[in-house]
Amino acid sequence: MSFATKVQMCLAFGMPAEFGDFLVVLNKIRNKFGHNVDSELNSKDLDGLAVICDKYDWSADKPIRAKKLEITTDGVSKEYRYGEVSRRVDFLIIFITFLPVFSGWALFFCRRDNIN
């Protein structure tokens, strides 16, 4: 069964369409690396995900391209801004924007249907 078919099934069972949009683009990136481990993330891949996040207002405080990631190690904090360091950091910013939104829906869905 293809990934697109699995997404369609999830949509039929109540997953919001915007998650399907995101997951299809994310799967294209995953597929690229699955078929060629030497692939690199490119701006086009990430822009597709960023546009979806902004379109559905998952990052309510500011657009994805204006976000930053702060990481503290050994008591030292560093800020990493979208588009300024690496595409991996950009991917992380996008993914940590998406994950709480998706998790919130999944938790609500499970509670609504009493799924343990």
PDB file of N, CA and C in Angstrom:
ATOM      1  N   MET A   1       0.857  -1.173   0.000  1.00  0.00           N
ATOM      2  CA  MET A   1       0.000   0.000   0.000  1.00  0.00           C
ATOM      3  C   MET A   1       0.904   1.238   0.000  1.00  0.00           C
ATOM      4  N   SER A   2       0.624   2.164  -0.877  1.00  0.00           N
ATOM      5  CA  SER A   2       1.453   3.371  -0.977  1.00  0.00           C
ATOM      6  C   SER A   2       1.206   4.298   0.206  1.00  0.00           C
ATOM      7  N   PHE A   3       2.152   5.188   0.422  1.00  0.00           N
ATOM      8  CA  PHE A   3       2.010   6.156   1.509  1.00  0.00           C
ATOM      9  C   PHE A   3       0.797   7.042   1.261  1.00  0.00           C
ATOM     10  N   ALA A   4       0.605   7.467   0.018  1.00  0.00           N
ATOM     11  CA  ALA A   4      -0.535   8.325  -0.313  1.00  0.00           C
ATOM     12  C   ALA A   4      -1.855   7.632   0.030  1.00  0.00           C
ATOM     13  N   THR A   5      -1.931   6.329  -0.201  1.00  0.00           N
ATOM     14  CA  THR A   5      -3.134   5.566   0.134  1.00  0.00           C
ATOM     15  C   THR A   5      -3.333   5.532   1.650  1.00  0.00           C
ATOM     16  N   LYS A   6      -2.236   5.372   2.384  1.00  0.00           N
ATOM     17  CA  LYS A   6      -2.331   5.376   3.852  1.00  0.00           C
ATOM     18  C   LYS A   6      -2.816   6.726   4.365  1.00  0.00           C
ATOM     19  N   VAL A   7      -2.324   7.804   3.769  1.00  0.00           N
ATOM     20  CA  VAL A   7      -2.777   9.147   4.164  1.00  0.00           C
ATOM     21  C   VAL A   7      -4.262   9.291   3.851  1.00  0.00           C
ATOM     22  N   GLN A   8      -4.692   8.823   2.690  1.00  0.00           N
ATOM     23  CA  GLN A   8      -6.110   8.894   2.334  1.00  0.00           C
ATOM     24  C   GLN A   8      -6.978   8.131   3.333  1.00  0.00           C
ATOM     25  N   MET A   9      -6.482   6.994   3.795  1.00  0.00           N
ATOM     26  CA  MET A   9      -7.222   6.228   4.807  1.00  0.00           C
ATOM     27  C   MET A   9      -7.318   7.017   6.112  1.00  0.00           C
ATOM     28  N   CYS A  10      -6.228   7.632   6.522  1.00  0.00           N
ATOM     29  CA  CYS A  10      -6.239   8.438   7.740  1.00  0.00           C
ATOM     30  C   CYS A  10      -7.225   9.595   7.614  1.00  0.00           C
ATOM     31  N   LEU A  11      -7.247  10.224   6.446  1.00  0.00           N
ATOM     32  CA  LEU A  11      -8.191  11.317   6.207  1.00  0.00           C
ATOM     33  C   LEU A  11      -9.624  10.811   6.305  1.00  0.00           C
ATOM     34  N   ALA A  12      -9.878   9.625   5.764  1.00  0.00           N
ATOM     35  CA  ALA A  12     -11.218   9.042   5.816  1.00  0.00           C
ATOM     36  C   ALA A  12     -11.647   8.752   7.249  1.00  0.00           C
ATOM     37  N   PHE A  13     -10.671   8.484   8.122  1.00  0.00           N
ATOM     38  CA  PHE A  13     -10.981   8.202   9.526  1.00  0.00           C
ATOM     39  C   PHE A  13     -10.938   9.450  10.401  1.00  0.00           C
ATOM     40  N   GLY A  14     -10.789  10.627   9.773  1.00  0.00           N
ATOM     41  CA  GLY A  14     -10.927  11.863  10.530  1.00  0.00           C
ATOM     42  C   GLY A  14      -9.692  12.714  10.715  1.00  0.00           C
ATOM     43  N   MET A  15      -8.558  12.316  10.159  1.00  0.00           N
ATOM     44  CA  MET A  15      -7.380  13.167  10.281  1.00  0.00           C
ATOM     45  C   MET A  15      -7.604  14.430   9.449  1.00  0.00           C
ATOM     46  N   PRO A  16      -7.315  15.604   9.987  1.00  0.00           N
ATOM     47  CA  PRO A  16      -7.511  16.840   9.232  1.00  0.00           C
ATOM     48  C   PRO A  16      -6.685  16.872   7.941  1.00  0.00           C
ATOM     49  N   ALA A  17      -7.269  17.433   6.897  1.00  0.00           N
ATOM     50  CA  ALA A  17      -6.628  17.478   5.569  1.00  0.00           C
ATOM     51  C   ALA A  17      -5.279  18.177   5.601  1.00  0.00           C
ATOM     52  N   GLU A  18      -5.136  19.193   6.463  1.00  0.00           N
ATOM     53  CA  GLU A  18      -3.862  19.923   6.513  1.00  0.00           C
ATOM     54  C   GLU A  18      -2.713  19.016   6.963  1.00  0.00           C
ATOM     55  N   PHE A  19      -3.000  18.038   7.803  1.00  0.00           N
ATOM     56  CA  PHE A  19      -1.943  17.095   8.201  1.00  0.00           C
ATOM     57  C   PHE A  19      -1.562  16.210   7.022  1.00  0.00           C
ATOM     58  N   GLY A  20      -2.557  15.846   6.231  1.00  0.00           N
ATOM     59  CA  GLY A  20      -2.277  15.061   5.040  1.00  0.00           C
ATOM     60  C   GLY A  20      -1.361  15.817   4.091  1.00  0.00           C
ATOM     61  N   ASP A  21      -1.626  17.115   3.901  1.00  0.00           N
ATOM     62  CA  ASP A  21      -0.771  17.946   3.051  1.00  0.00           C
ATOM     63  C   ASP A  21       0.674  17.902   3.536  1.00  0.00           C
ATOM     64  N   PHE A  22       0.863  18.084   4.832  1.00  0.00           N
ATOM     65  CA  PHE A  22       2.197  18.112   5.426  1.00  0.00           C
ATOM     66  C   PHE A  22       2.879  16.752   5.292  1.00  0.00           C
ATOM     67  N   LEU A  23       2.151  15.702   5.609  1.00  0.00           N
ATOM     68  CA  LEU A  23       2.742  14.363   5.589  1.00  0.00           C
ATOM     69  C   LEU A  23       3.143  13.912   4.190  1.00  0.00           C
ATOM     70  N   VAL A  24       2.392  14.307   3.182  1.00  0.00           N
ATOM     71  CA  VAL A  24       2.747  13.948   1.806  1.00  0.00           C
ATOM     72  C   VAL A  24       4.065  14.613   1.415  1.00  0.00           C
ATOM     73  N   VAL A  25       4.236  15.884   1.745  1.00  0.00           N
ATOM     74  CA  VAL A  25       5.491  16.579   1.430  1.00  0.00           C
ATOM     75  C   VAL A  25       6.640  15.986   2.252  1.00  0.00           C
ATOM     76  N   LEU A  26       6.388  15.724   3.528  1.00  0.00           N
ATOM     77  CA  LEU A  26       7.407  15.115   4.385  1.00  0.00           C
ATOM     78  C   LEU A  26       7.828  13.749   3.839  1.00  0.00           C
ATOM     79  N   ASN A  27       6.881  12.981   3.346  1.00  0.00           N
ATOM     80  CA  ASN A  27       7.208  11.668   2.801  1.00  0.00           C
ATOM     81  C   ASN A  27       8.056  11.771   1.535  1.00  0.00           C
ATOM     82  N   LYS A  28       7.843  12.802   0.739  1.00  0.00           N
ATOM     83  CA  LYS A  28       8.681  12.996  -0.453  1.00  0.00           C
ATOM     84  C   LYS A  28      10.141  13.194  -0.042  1.00  0.00           C
ATOM     85  N   ILE A  29      10.352  13.929   1.033  1.00  0.00           N
ATOM     86  CA  ILE A  29      11.710  14.129   1.545  1.00  0.00           C
ATOM     87  C   ILE A  29      12.260  12.803   2.069  1.00  0.00           C
ATOM     88  N   ARG A  30      11.458  12.085   2.832  1.00  0.00           N
ATOM     89  CA  ARG A  30      11.887  10.790   3.364  1.00  0.00           C
ATOM     90  C   ARG A  30      12.236   9.829   2.231  1.00  0.00           C
ATOM     91  N   ASN A  31      11.415   9.822   1.202  1.00  0.00           N
ATOM     92  CA  ASN A  31      11.646   8.952   0.052  1.00  0.00           C
ATOM     93  C   ASN A  31      12.966   9.263  -0.637  1.00  0.00           C
ATOM     94  N   LYS A  32      13.245  10.541  -0.774  1.00  0.00           N
ATOM     95  CA  LYS A  32      14.482  10.956  -1.427  1.00  0.00           C
ATOM     96  C   LYS A  32      15.686  10.376  -0.696  1.00  0.00           C
ATOM     97  N   PHE A  33      15.668  10.436   0.623  1.00  0.00           N
ATOM     98  CA  PHE A  33      16.778   9.901   1.417  1.00  0.00           C
ATOM     99  C   PHE A  33      16.751   8.381   1.472  1.00  0.00           C
ATOM    100  N   GLY A  34      15.570   7.802   1.403  1.00  0.00           N
ATOM    101  CA  GLY A  34      15.457   6.346   1.409  1.00  0.00           C
ATOM    102  C   GLY A  34      16.053   5.711   0.163  1.00  0.00           C
ATOM    103  N   HIS A  35      16.003   6.437  -0.926  1.00  0.00           N
ATOM    104  CA  HIS A  35      16.523   5.906  -2.188  1.00  0.00           C
ATOM    105  C   HIS A  35      17.963   6.328  -2.454  1.00  0.00           C
ATOM    106  N   ASN A  36      18.415   7.377  -1.771  1.00  0.00           N
ATOM    107  CA  ASN A  36      19.788   7.848  -1.963  1.00  0.00           C
ATOM    108  C   ASN A  36      20.263   8.500  -0.664  1.00  0.00           C
ATOM    109  N   VAL A  37      21.024   7.761   0.118  1.00  0.00           N
ATOM    110  CA  VAL A  37      21.454   8.268   1.423  1.00  0.00           C
ATOM    111  C   VAL A  37      22.362   9.483   1.306  1.00  0.00           C
ATOM    112  N   ASP A  38      22.906   9.724   0.126  1.00  0.00           N
ATOM    113  CA  ASP A  38      23.761  10.891  -0.069  1.00  0.00           C
ATOM    114  C   ASP A  38      22.980  12.134  -0.481  1.00  0.00           C
ATOM    115  N   SER A  39      21.651  12.025  -0.503  1.00  0.00           N
ATOM    116  CA  SER A  39      20.815  13.180  -0.847  1.00  0.00           C
ATOM    117  C   SER A  39      21.018  14.293   0.164  1.00  0.00           C
ATOM    118  N   GLU A  40      20.658  15.475  -0.253  1.00  0.00           N
ATOM    119  CA  GLU A  40      20.730  16.623   0.653  1.00  0.00           C
ATOM    120  C   GLU A  40      19.376  17.314   0.688  1.00  0.00           C
ATOM    121  N   LEU A  41      19.071  17.861   1.852  1.00  0.00           N
ATOM    122  CA  LEU A  41      17.867  18.680   1.955  1.00  0.00           C
ATOM    123  C   LEU A  41      18.083  19.917   1.097  1.00  0.00           C
ATOM    124  N   ASN A  42      17.064  20.323   0.367  1.00  0.00           N
ATOM    125  CA  ASN A  42      17.207  21.563  -0.375  1.00  0.00           C
ATOM    126  C   ASN A  42      16.134  22.546   0.068  1.00  0.00           C
ATOM    127  N   SER A  43      16.328  23.777  -0.282  1.00  0.00           N
ATOM    128  CA  SER A  43      15.403  24.835   0.136  1.00  0.00           C
ATOM    129  C   SER A  43      13.995  24.590  -0.380  1.00  0.00           C
ATOM    130  N   LYS A  44      13.877  24.031  -1.573  1.00  0.00           N
ATOM    131  CA  LYS A  44      12.552  23.763  -2.150  1.00  0.00           C
ATOM    132  C   LYS A  44      11.778  22.780  -1.275  1.00  0.00           C
ATOM    133  N   ASP A  45      12.456  21.715  -0.820  1.00  0.00           N
ATOM    134  CA  ASP A  45      11.815  20.735   0.070  1.00  0.00           C
ATOM    135  C   ASP A  45      11.292  21.419   1.328  1.00  0.00           C
ATOM    136  N   LEU A  46      12.153  22.192   1.936  1.00  0.00           N
ATOM    137  CA  LEU A  46      11.801  22.819   3.207  1.00  0.00           C
ATOM    138  C   LEU A  46      10.759  23.918   3.032  1.00  0.00           C
ATOM    139  N   ASP A  47      10.865  24.661   1.934  1.00  0.00           N
ATOM    140  CA  ASP A  47       9.883  25.716   1.698  1.00  0.00           C
ATOM    141  C   ASP A  47       8.480  25.145   1.576  1.00  0.00           C
ATOM    142  N   GLY A  48       8.361  23.962   0.970  1.00  0.00           N
ATOM    143  CA  GLY A  48       7.053  23.330   0.868  1.00  0.00           C
ATOM    144  C   GLY A  48       6.438  23.062   2.234  1.00  0.00           C
ATOM    145  N   LEU A  49       7.253  22.581   3.156  1.00  0.00           N
ATOM    146  CA  LEU A  49       6.770  22.328   4.521  1.00  0.00           C
ATOM    147  C   LEU A  49       6.480  23.640   5.258  1.00  0.00           C
ATOM    148  N   ALA A  50       7.360  24.624   5.099  1.00  0.00           N
ATOM    149  CA  ALA A  50       7.180  25.919   5.773  1.00  0.00           C
ATOM    150  C   ALA A  50       5.897  26.598   5.307  1.00  0.00           C
ATOM    151  N   VAL A  51       5.625  26.532   4.018  1.00  0.00           N
ATOM    152  CA  VAL A  51       4.405  27.143   3.476  1.00  0.00           C
ATOM    153  C   VAL A  51       3.165  26.494   4.088  1.00  0.00           C
ATOM    154  N   ILE A  52       3.182  25.191   4.227  1.00  0.00           N
ATOM    155  CA  ILE A  52       2.029  24.491   4.822  1.00  0.00           C
ATOM    156  C   ILE A  52       1.850  24.923   6.282  1.00  0.00           C
ATOM    157  N   CYS A  53       2.945  24.982   7.038  1.00  0.00           N
ATOM    158  CA  CYS A  53       2.853  25.419   8.444  1.00  0.00           C
ATOM    159  C   CYS A  53       2.268  26.819   8.549  1.00  0.00           C
ATOM    160  N   ASP A  54       2.730  27.714   7.673  1.00  0.00           N
ATOM    161  CA  ASP A  54       2.241  29.095   7.713  1.00  0.00           C
ATOM    162  C   ASP A  54       0.796  29.189   7.209  1.00  0.00           C
ATOM    163  N   LYS A  55       0.470  28.415   6.185  1.00  0.00           N
ATOM    164  CA  LYS A  55      -0.879  28.431   5.619  1.00  0.00           C
ATOM    165  C   LYS A  55      -1.921  28.067   6.673  1.00  0.00           C
ATOM    166  N   TYR A  56      -1.601  27.101   7.511  1.00  0.00           N
ATOM    167  CA  TYR A  56      -2.546  26.643   8.527  1.00  0.00           C
ATOM    168  C   TYR A  56      -2.312  27.288   9.889  1.00  0.00           C
ATOM    169  N   ASP A  57      -1.405  28.263   9.919  1.00  0.00           N
ATOM    170  CA  ASP A  57      -1.164  29.067  11.126  1.00  0.00           C
ATOM    171  C   ASP A  57      -0.762  28.218  12.324  1.00  0.00           C
ATOM    172  N   TRP A  58       0.072  27.196  12.079  1.00  0.00           N
ATOM    173  CA  TRP A  58       0.536  26.342  13.167  1.00  0.00           C
ATOM    174  C   TRP A  58       1.554  27.049  14.043  1.00  0.00           C
ATOM    175  N   SER A  59       2.164  28.060  13.522  1.00  0.00           N
ATOM    176  CA  SER A  59       3.129  28.839  14.284  1.00  0.00           C
ATOM    177  C   SER A  59       2.531  30.216  14.498  1.00  0.00           C
ATOM    178  N   ALA A  60       1.565  30.278  15.386  1.00  0.00           N
ATOM    179  CA  ALA A  60       0.718  31.460  15.536  1.00  0.00           C
ATOM    180  C   ALA A  60       1.491  32.745  15.834  1.00  0.00           C
ATOM    181  N   ASP A  61       2.619  32.639  16.522  1.00  0.00           N
ATOM    182  CA  ASP A  61       3.306  33.859  16.931  1.00  0.00           C
ATOM    183  C   ASP A  61       4.075  34.538  15.803  1.00  0.00           C
ATOM    184  N   LYS A  62       4.594  33.763  14.835  1.00  0.00           N
ATOM    185  CA  LYS A  62       5.340  34.341  13.712  1.00  0.00           C
ATOM    186  C   LYS A  62       5.488  33.301  12.619  1.00  0.00           C
ATOM    187  N   PRO A  63       5.734  33.754  11.391  1.00  0.00           N
ATOM    188  CA  PRO A  63       5.931  32.789  10.303  1.00  0.00           C
ATOM    189  C   PRO A  63       7.166  31.921  10.541  1.00  0.00           C
ATOM    190  N   ILE A  64       7.168  30.751   9.942  1.00  0.00           N
ATOM    191  CA  ILE A  64       8.284  29.812  10.105  1.00  0.00           C
ATOM    192  C   ILE A  64       9.618  30.479   9.799  1.00  0.00           C
ATOM    193  N   ARG A  65       9.678  31.231   8.726  1.00  0.00           N
ATOM    194  CA  ARG A  65      10.961  31.823   8.305  1.00  0.00           C
ATOM    195  C   ARG A  65      11.472  32.885   9.275  1.00  0.00           C
ATOM    196  N   ALA A  66      10.658  33.253  10.260  1.00  0.00           N
ATOM    197  CA  ALA A  66      11.087  34.226  11.270  1.00  0.00           C
ATOM    198  C   ALA A  66      11.396  33.557  12.608  1.00  0.00           C
ATOM    199  N   LYS A  67      11.302  32.238  12.650  1.00  0.00           N
ATOM    200  CA  LYS A  67      11.513  31.522  13.906  1.00  0.00           C
ATOM    201  C   LYS A  67      12.986  31.242  14.160  1.00  0.00           C
ATOM    202  N   LYS A  68      13.256  30.945  15.404  1.00  0.00           N
ATOM    203  CA  LYS A  68      14.611  30.559  15.797  1.00  0.00           C
ATOM    204  C   LYS A  68      14.518  29.396  16.764  1.00  0.00           C
ATOM    205  N   LEU A  69      15.619  28.722  16.909  1.00  0.00           N
ATOM    206  CA  LEU A  69      15.726  27.584  17.812  1.00  0.00           C
ATOM    207  C   LEU A  69      16.832  27.904  18.797  1.00  0.00           C
ATOM    208  N   GLU A  70      16.542  27.792  20.080  1.00  0.00           N
ATOM    209  CA  GLU A  70      17.565  28.045  21.095  1.00  0.00           C
ATOM    210  C   GLU A  70      17.938  26.718  21.741  1.00  0.00           C
ATOM    211  N   ILE A  71      19.224  26.432  21.714  1.00  0.00           N
ATOM    212  CA  ILE A  71      19.724  25.188  22.290  1.00  0.00           C
ATOM    213  C   ILE A  71      20.758  25.536  23.351  1.00  0.00           C
ATOM    214  N   THR A  72      20.605  24.909  24.524  1.00  0.00           N
ATOM    215  CA  THR A  72      21.542  25.128  25.620  1.00  0.00           C
ATOM    216  C   THR A  72      22.294  23.835  25.893  1.00  0.00           C
ATOM    217  N   THR A  73      23.598  23.918  25.840  1.00  0.00           N
ATOM    218  CA  THR A  73      24.446  22.780  26.205  1.00  0.00           C
ATOM    219  C   THR A  73      25.547  23.279  27.115  1.00  0.00           C
ATOM    220  N   ASP A  74      25.767  22.536  28.160  1.00  0.00           N
ATOM    221  CA  ASP A  74      26.785  22.899  29.143  1.00  0.00           C
ATOM    222  C   ASP A  74      26.615  24.327  29.648  1.00  0.00           C
ATOM    223  N   GLY A  75      25.365  24.747  29.822  1.00  0.00           N
ATOM    224  CA  GLY A  75      25.077  26.067  30.359  1.00  0.00           C
ATOM    225  C   GLY A  75      25.222  27.207  29.363  1.00  0.00           C
ATOM    226  N   VAL A  76      25.549  26.899  28.129  1.00  0.00           N
ATOM    227  CA  VAL A  76      25.725  27.931  27.106  1.00  0.00           C
ATOM    228  C   VAL A  76      24.578  27.828  26.094  1.00  0.00           C
ATOM    229  N   SER A  77      23.879  28.949  25.903  1.00  0.00           N
ATOM    230  CA  SER A  77      22.761  28.982  24.958  1.00  0.00           C
ATOM    231  C   SER A  77      23.214  29.539  23.617  1.00  0.00           C
ATOM    232  N   LYS A  78      22.697  28.931  22.567  1.00  0.00           N
ATOM    233  CA  LYS A  78      22.942  29.417  21.214  1.00  0.00           C
ATOM    234  C   LYS A  78      21.617  29.520  20.493  1.00  0.00           C
ATOM    235  N   GLU A  79      21.470  30.576  19.704  1.00  0.00           N
ATOM    236  CA  GLU A  79      20.281  30.753  18.884  1.00  0.00           C
ATOM    237  C   GLU A  79      20.602  30.403  17.445  1.00  0.00           C
ATOM    238  N   TYR A  80      19.683  29.667  16.836  1.00  0.00           N
ATOM    239  CA  TYR A  80      19.806  29.299  15.438  1.00  0.00           C
ATOM    240  C   TYR A  80      18.553  29.795  14.729  1.00  0.00           C
ATOM    241  N   ARG A  81      18.716  30.667  13.780  1.00  0.00           N
ATOM    242  CA  ARG A  81      17.581  31.229  13.049  1.00  0.00           C
ATOM    243  C   ARG A  81      17.334  30.464  11.759  1.00  0.00           C
ATOM    244  N   TYR A  82      16.075  30.371  11.407  1.00  0.00           N
ATOM    245  CA  TYR A  82      15.690  29.702  10.167  1.00  0.00           C
ATOM    246  C   TYR A  82      16.407  30.378   8.996  1.00  0.00           C
ATOM    247  N   GLY A  83      17.010  29.570   8.149  1.00  0.00           N
ATOM    248  CA  GLY A  83      17.647  30.080   6.947  1.00  0.00           C
ATOM    249  C   GLY A  83      19.049  30.613   7.121  1.00  0.00           C
ATOM    250  N   GLU A  84      19.564  30.606   8.351  1.00  0.00           N
ATOM    251  CA  GLU A  84      20.883  31.202   8.582  1.00  0.00           C
ATOM    252  C   GLU A  84      21.979  30.199   8.897  1.00  0.00           C
ATOM    253  N   VAL A  85      21.638  28.990   9.283  1.00  0.00           N
ATOM    254  CA  VAL A  85      22.669  28.047   9.720  1.00  0.00           C
ATOM    255  C   VAL A  85      22.783  26.872   8.760  1.00  0.00           C
ATOM    256  N   SER A  86      21.773  26.026   8.757  1.00  0.00           N
ATOM    257  CA  SER A  86      21.790  24.860   7.875  1.00  0.00           C
ATOM    258  C   SER A  86      20.356  24.419   7.609  1.00  0.00           C
ATOM    259  N   ARG A  87      20.206  23.645   6.586  1.00  0.00           N
ATOM    260  CA  ARG A  87      18.872  23.133   6.267  1.00  0.00           C
ATOM    261  C   ARG A  87      18.398  22.148   7.322  1.00  0.00           C
ATOM    262  N   ARG A  88      19.321  21.490   7.992  1.00  0.00           N
ATOM    263  CA  ARG A  88      18.922  20.565   9.073  1.00  0.00           C
ATOM    264  C   ARG A  88      18.276  21.331  10.221  1.00  0.00           C
ATOM    265  N   VAL A  89      18.842  22.486  10.552  1.00  0.00           N
ATOM    266  CA  VAL A  89      18.242  23.329  11.596  1.00  0.00           C
ATOM    267  C   VAL A  89      16.878  23.812  11.122  1.00  0.00           C
ATOM    268  N   ASP A  90      16.784  24.203   9.867  1.00  0.00           N
ATOM    269  CA  ASP A  90      15.498  24.644   9.322  1.00  0.00           C
ATOM    270  C   ASP A  90      14.459  23.524   9.423  1.00  0.00           C
ATOM    271  N   PHE A  91      14.873  22.302   9.082  1.00  0.00           N
ATOM    272  CA  PHE A  91      13.973  21.156   9.182  1.00  0.00           C
ATOM    273  C   PHE A  91      13.519  20.958  10.630  1.00  0.00           C
ATOM    274  N   LEU A  92      14.447  21.070  11.555  1.00  0.00           N
ATOM    275  CA  LEU A  92      14.102  20.930  12.980  1.00  0.00           C
ATOM    276  C   LEU A  92      13.069  21.965  13.400  1.00  0.00           C
ATOM    277  N   ILE A  93      13.263  23.208  12.982  1.00  0.00           N
ATOM    278  CA  ILE A  93      12.321  24.279  13.331  1.00  0.00           C
ATOM    279  C   ILE A  93      10.940  23.959  12.776  1.00  0.00           C
ATOM    280  N   ILE A  94      10.891  23.505  11.537  1.00  0.00           N
ATOM    281  CA  ILE A  94       9.602  23.145  10.930  1.00  0.00           C
ATOM    282  C   ILE A  94       8.967  21.983  11.692  1.00  0.00           C
ATOM    283  N   PHE A  95       9.755  20.950  11.957  1.00  0.00           N
ATOM    284  CA  PHE A  95       9.200  19.755  12.589  1.00  0.00           C
ATOM    285  C   PHE A  95       8.721  20.028  14.008  1.00  0.00           C
ATOM    286  N   ILE A  96       9.461  20.829  14.783  1.00  0.00           N
ATOM    287  CA  ILE A  96       9.006  21.108  16.153  1.00  0.00           C
ATOM    288  C   ILE A  96       7.845  22.095  16.173  1.00  0.00           C
ATOM    289  N   THR A  97       7.569  22.711  15.048  1.00  0.00           N
ATOM    290  CA  THR A  97       6.349  23.512  14.919  1.00  0.00           C
ATOM    291  C   THR A  97       5.161  22.595  14.650  1.00  0.00           C
ATOM    292  N   PHE A  98       5.370  21.605  13.790  1.00  0.00           N
ATOM    293  CA  PHE A  98       4.299  20.684  13.406  1.00  0.00           C
ATOM    294  C   PHE A  98       3.942  19.694  14.512  1.00  0.00           C
ATOM    295  N   LEU A  99       4.941  19.163  15.179  1.00  0.00           N
ATOM    296  CA  LEU A  99       4.725  18.060  16.115  1.00  0.00           C
ATOM    297  C   LEU A  99       3.705  18.358  17.222  1.00  0.00           C
ATOM    298  N   PRO A 100       3.768  19.500  17.912  1.00  0.00           N
ATOM    299  CA  PRO A 100       2.764  19.736  18.963  1.00  0.00           C
ATOM    300  C   PRO A 100       1.342  19.872  18.413  1.00  0.00           C
ATOM    301  N   VAL A 101       1.209  20.436  17.215  1.00  0.00           N
ATOM    302  CA  VAL A 101      -0.118  20.569  16.614  1.00  0.00           C
ATOM    303  C   VAL A 101      -0.681  19.189  16.307  1.00  0.00           C
ATOM    304  N   PHE A 102       0.137  18.354  15.684  1.00  0.00           N
ATOM    305  CA  PHE A 102      -0.291  17.000  15.347  1.00  0.00           C
ATOM    306  C   PHE A 102      -0.555  16.182  16.618  1.00  0.00           C
ATOM    307  N   SER A 103       0.329  16.293  17.586  1.00  0.00           N
ATOM    308  CA  SER A 103       0.162  15.544  18.844  1.00  0.00           C
ATOM    309  C   SER A 103      -1.108  15.958  19.572  1.00  0.00           C
ATOM    310  N   GLY A 104      -1.396  17.251  19.564  1.00  0.00           N
ATOM    311  CA  GLY A 104      -2.619  17.747  20.208  1.00  0.00           C
ATOM    312  C   GLY A 104      -3.859  17.156  19.558  1.00  0.00           C
ATOM    313  N   TRP A 105      -3.864  17.130  18.222  1.00  0.00           N
ATOM    314  CA  TRP A 105      -5.004  16.526  17.527  1.00  0.00           C
ATOM    315  C   TRP A 105      -5.094  15.040  17.854  1.00  0.00           C
ATOM    316  N   ALA A 106      -3.964  14.323  17.820  1.00  0.00           N
ATOM    317  CA  ALA A 106      -3.973  12.875  18.067  1.00  0.00           C
ATOM    318  C   ALA A 106      -4.484  12.576  19.476  1.00  0.00           C
ATOM    319  N   LEU A 107      -4.054  13.368  20.444  1.00  0.00           N
ATOM    320  CA  LEU A 107      -4.512  13.164  21.817  1.00  0.00           C
ATOM    321  C   LEU A 107      -6.019  13.402  21.918  1.00  0.00           C
ATOM    322  N   PHE A 108      -6.496  14.470  21.299  1.00  0.00           N
ATOM    323  CA  PHE A 108      -7.935  14.761  21.300  1.00  0.00           C
ATOM    324  C   PHE A 108      -8.708  13.627  20.629  1.00  0.00           C
ATOM    325  N   PHE A 109      -8.196  13.159  19.493  1.00  0.00           N
ATOM    326  CA  PHE A 109      -8.841  12.085  18.739  1.00  0.00           C
ATOM    327  C   PHE A 109      -8.945  10.831  19.590  1.00  0.00           C
ATOM    328  N   CYS A 110      -7.854  10.476  20.262  1.00  0.00           N
ATOM    329  CA  CYS A 110      -7.851   9.268  21.093  1.00  0.00           C
ATOM    330  C   CYS A 110      -8.797   9.394  22.275  1.00  0.00           C
ATOM    331  N   ARG A 111      -8.816  10.545  22.906  1.00  0.00           N
ATOM    332  CA  ARG A 111      -9.723  10.752  24.040  1.00  0.00           C
ATOM    333  C   ARG A 111     -11.178  10.736  23.593  1.00  0.00           C
ATOM    334  N   ARG A 112     -11.438  11.378  22.436  1.00  0.00           N
ATOM    335  CA  ARG A 112     -12.798  11.450  21.914  1.00  0.00           C
ATOM    336  C   ARG A 112     -13.337  10.062  21.640  1.00  0.00           C
ATOM    337  N   ASP A 113     -12.513   9.202  21.098  1.00  0.00           N
ATOM    338  CA  ASP A 113     -12.944   7.857  20.734  1.00  0.00           C
ATOM    339  C   ASP A 113     -12.573   6.815  21.793  1.00  0.00           C
ATOM    340  N   ASN A 114     -12.099   7.263  22.943  1.00  0.00           N
ATOM    341  CA  ASN A 114     -11.697   6.363  24.034  1.00  0.00           C
ATOM    342  C   ASN A 114     -10.700   5.313  23.580  1.00  0.00           C
ATOM    343  N   ILE A 115      -9.718   5.739  22.803  1.00  0.00           N
ATOM    344  CA  ILE A 115      -8.666   4.832  22.357  1.00  0.00           C
ATOM    345  C   ILE A 115      -7.542   4.891  23.369  1.00  0.00           C
ATOM    346  N   ASN A 116      -7.130   3.748  23.878  1.00  0.00           N
ATOM    347  CA  ASN A 116      -6.062   3.714  24.878  1.00  0.00           C
ATOM    348  C   ASN A 116      -4.743   3.416  24.233  1.00  0.00           C
TER     349      ASN A 116
END
